């Protein structure tokens, strides 16, 4: 199976509904805001007929790293239908996204509790402290420190994984 790449604005209603069904089955605590975060970029999809078996998306985000701002590809809503997990479908959709990333971003980021999966794909844990920017003020988020990961891309030279990192706050999970 080869993942298809689809822009958010090109997803039809049936595919969007299939994504919500996938997320509901794959995650215990997937909120509406989590789904909303997955739109606005590109999606890697694996389907069987009309059923979405696996998904990963990348959306643009501005992230403050140290004293600089970076435009990163932020990976959201990576999921595989439970009946098809451990069949390399998640790896396939992530690899498809990772192939596209260097053409669009200097680096990619995500937040996860499943570090091993992403480490096998070349992702590294962020080592610096995390923050969110609320009302123009950086607010420390130590609960997110261990969740953040980065994929170094050709444009990421000079990226310091030990520097403070901050994102703009948003509804639901900031990271």
Protein backbone atom coordinates (compact mmCIF):
# COMPACT_ATOMS: atom_id res chain seq x y z
CA UNK A 1 0.00 0.00 0.00
CA UNK A 2 1.25 3.44 -0.90
CA UNK A 3 -0.07 6.39 1.09
CA UNK A 4 -1.80 9.14 -0.79
CA UNK A 5 -1.01 12.75 0.01
CA UNK A 6 -3.99 15.10 0.14
CA UNK A 7 -4.20 18.77 1.11
CA UNK A 8 -6.74 19.55 3.82
CA UNK A 9 -8.83 21.69 1.49
CA UNK A 10 -9.06 18.79 -0.99
CA UNK A 11 -10.47 16.27 1.52
CA UNK A 12 -14.05 15.36 0.67
CA UNK A 13 -16.78 14.98 3.27
CA UNK A 14 -16.60 11.17 3.25
CA UNK A 15 -12.84 11.21 3.91
CA UNK A 16 -13.23 13.76 6.71
CA UNK A 17 -15.90 11.58 8.31
CA UNK A 18 -13.59 8.57 7.92
CA UNK A 19 -10.80 10.45 9.67
CA UNK A 20 -13.04 11.23 12.65
CA UNK A 21 -14.06 7.55 12.86
CA UNK A 22 -10.40 6.50 12.74
CA UNK A 23 -9.41 8.93 15.48
CA UNK A 24 -12.34 7.88 17.68
CA UNK A 25 -11.29 4.24 17.39
CA UNK A 26 -7.52 4.81 17.76
CA UNK A 27 -7.44 7.27 20.69
CA UNK A 28 -9.02 7.09 24.12
CA UNK A 29 -9.12 10.84 24.66
CA UNK A 30 -9.24 12.49 21.22
CA UNK A 31 -11.04 15.82 21.48
CA UNK A 32 -12.63 17.97 18.78
CA UNK A 33 -9.74 20.40 19.17
CA UNK A 34 -7.25 17.59 18.49
CA UNK A 35 -8.97 16.88 15.21
CA UNK A 36 -9.12 20.56 14.32
CA UNK A 37 -5.34 20.80 14.84
CA UNK A 38 -4.83 18.14 12.15
CA UNK A 39 -6.26 20.30 9.37
CA UNK A 40 -4.61 23.12 7.46
CA UNK A 41 -1.77 21.26 5.79
CA UNK A 42 -1.09 17.92 4.14
CA UNK A 43 -2.40 14.47 5.05
CA UNK A 44 -0.86 11.07 4.37
CA UNK A 45 -3.67 8.50 4.13
CA UNK A 46 -3.90 4.76 3.67
CA UNK A 47 -7.33 3.51 2.69
CA UNK A 48 -9.00 0.23 2.04
CA UNK A 49 -12.03 1.03 -0.05
CA UNK A 50 -13.63 3.98 1.70
CA UNK A 51 -12.20 3.14 5.15
CA UNK A 52 -9.25 5.24 6.33
CA UNK A 53 -6.81 2.76 7.87
CA UNK A 54 -3.95 5.11 8.76
CA UNK A 55 -3.35 8.84 8.88
CA UNK A 56 -0.72 11.45 9.66
CA UNK A 57 -0.85 15.15 8.89
CA UNK A 58 1.60 18.02 8.91
CA UNK A 59 0.54 21.61 9.47
CA UNK A 60 2.61 24.80 9.52
CA UNK A 61 3.43 26.25 12.93
CA UNK A 62 5.66 29.05 14.12
CA UNK A 63 7.83 27.87 17.00
CA UNK A 64 10.20 29.99 19.05
CA UNK A 65 13.50 28.23 19.63
CA UNK A 66 15.99 30.06 21.80
CA UNK A 67 15.86 33.63 20.51
CA UNK A 68 14.70 32.79 16.99
CA UNK A 69 11.44 31.88 15.29
CA UNK A 70 11.21 28.80 13.10
CA UNK A 71 8.51 27.80 10.63
CA UNK A 72 8.20 24.08 11.36
CA UNK A 73 6.06 21.29 10.01
CA UNK A 74 4.07 20.11 13.01
CA UNK A 75 2.85 16.51 12.82
CA UNK A 76 -0.65 15.84 14.12
CA UNK A 77 -3.14 12.99 14.53
CA UNK A 78 -0.96 10.00 13.63
CA UNK A 79 -3.29 7.03 13.90
CA UNK A 80 -3.87 3.49 12.69
CA UNK A 81 -7.16 1.68 13.03
CA UNK A 82 -6.78 -0.73 15.99
CA UNK A 83 -7.45 -3.87 13.92
CA UNK A 84 -4.51 -3.01 11.64
CA UNK A 85 -1.92 -1.81 14.15
CA UNK A 86 1.56 -3.39 14.13
CA UNK A 87 1.42 -3.89 10.35
CA UNK A 88 3.71 -0.93 9.51
CA UNK A 89 0.84 1.29 8.34
CA UNK A 90 1.83 4.06 10.77
CA UNK A 91 5.40 3.84 9.51
CA UNK A 92 4.14 4.11 5.92
CA UNK A 93 2.14 7.31 6.49
CA UNK A 94 4.96 8.88 8.52
CA UNK A 95 7.56 7.99 5.88
CA UNK A 96 5.37 9.56 3.20
CA UNK A 97 5.15 12.79 5.21
CA UNK A 98 8.84 12.76 6.03
CA UNK A 99 9.65 12.55 2.31
CA UNK A 100 7.71 15.81 1.75
CA UNK A 101 8.98 17.78 4.74
CA UNK A 102 12.38 18.95 3.41
CA UNK A 103 10.67 20.74 0.51
CA UNK A 104 8.52 22.78 2.89
CA UNK A 105 10.21 23.17 6.28
CA UNK A 106 13.64 23.42 7.89
CA UNK A 107 12.54 21.11 10.73
CA UNK A 108 9.53 19.15 11.95
CA UNK A 109 8.13 18.72 15.44
CA UNK A 110 5.48 16.72 17.24
CA UNK A 111 4.33 15.83 20.73
CA UNK A 112 3.88 12.21 21.75
CA UNK A 113 3.98 9.66 24.50
CA UNK A 114 5.18 7.01 22.00
CA UNK A 115 8.83 7.99 21.67
CA UNK A 116 10.12 4.63 20.43
CA UNK A 117 7.98 4.63 17.29
CA UNK A 118 9.27 8.04 16.22
CA UNK A 119 12.86 7.41 17.29
CA UNK A 120 12.95 4.45 14.90
CA UNK A 121 12.02 6.93 12.16
CA UNK A 122 14.86 9.32 13.00
CA UNK A 123 13.09 11.71 15.40
CA UNK A 124 14.95 13.02 18.46
CA UNK A 125 13.65 14.10 21.85
CA UNK A 126 13.70 17.79 22.59
CA UNK A 127 15.98 18.40 25.59
CA UNK A 128 15.20 22.03 26.41
CA UNK A 129 12.36 23.46 28.49
CA UNK A 130 8.96 24.01 26.84
CA UNK A 131 6.65 27.00 26.98
CA UNK A 132 3.46 28.34 25.43
CA UNK A 133 2.93 31.97 24.55
CA UNK A 134 -0.30 33.29 26.05
CA UNK A 135 -1.15 36.94 25.61
CA UNK A 136 2.41 37.69 24.56
CA UNK A 137 3.91 36.08 27.68
CA UNK A 138 5.86 32.80 27.77
CA UNK A 139 4.34 30.38 30.27
CA UNK A 140 6.36 27.33 31.32
CA UNK A 141 4.84 23.92 30.47
CA UNK A 142 7.04 21.33 32.21
CA UNK A 143 4.40 18.65 31.57
CA UNK A 144 5.25 18.89 27.85
CA UNK A 145 9.04 18.71 28.20
CA UNK A 146 9.30 14.96 27.68
CA UNK A 147 6.65 14.84 24.94
CA UNK A 148 8.33 17.02 22.32
CA UNK A 149 10.31 15.54 19.46
CA UNK A 150 12.05 17.02 16.44
CA UNK A 151 13.10 15.73 13.03
CA UNK A 152 16.18 17.49 11.76
CA UNK A 153 15.90 18.30 8.07
CA UNK A 154 18.53 19.76 5.71
CA UNK A 155 17.49 23.32 6.65
CA UNK A 156 17.85 22.75 10.39
CA UNK A 157 21.55 23.48 10.69
CA UNK A 158 22.19 25.26 13.96
CA UNK A 159 19.06 23.89 15.62
CA UNK A 160 19.81 23.56 19.36
CA UNK A 161 17.69 20.78 20.89
CA UNK A 162 18.62 22.02 24.36
CA UNK A 163 17.27 25.54 23.84
CA UNK A 164 13.95 26.73 25.27
CA UNK A 165 11.07 26.09 22.86
CA UNK A 166 7.71 27.86 22.76
CA UNK A 167 4.57 27.70 20.64
CA UNK A 168 1.55 29.95 20.45
CA UNK A 169 -1.26 28.76 22.69
CA UNK A 170 -4.30 27.29 20.98
CA UNK A 171 -7.55 25.64 22.07
CA UNK A 172 -7.00 22.15 23.46
CA UNK A 173 -3.45 20.88 23.72
CA UNK A 174 -0.99 23.67 22.93
CA UNK A 175 1.65 21.18 21.78
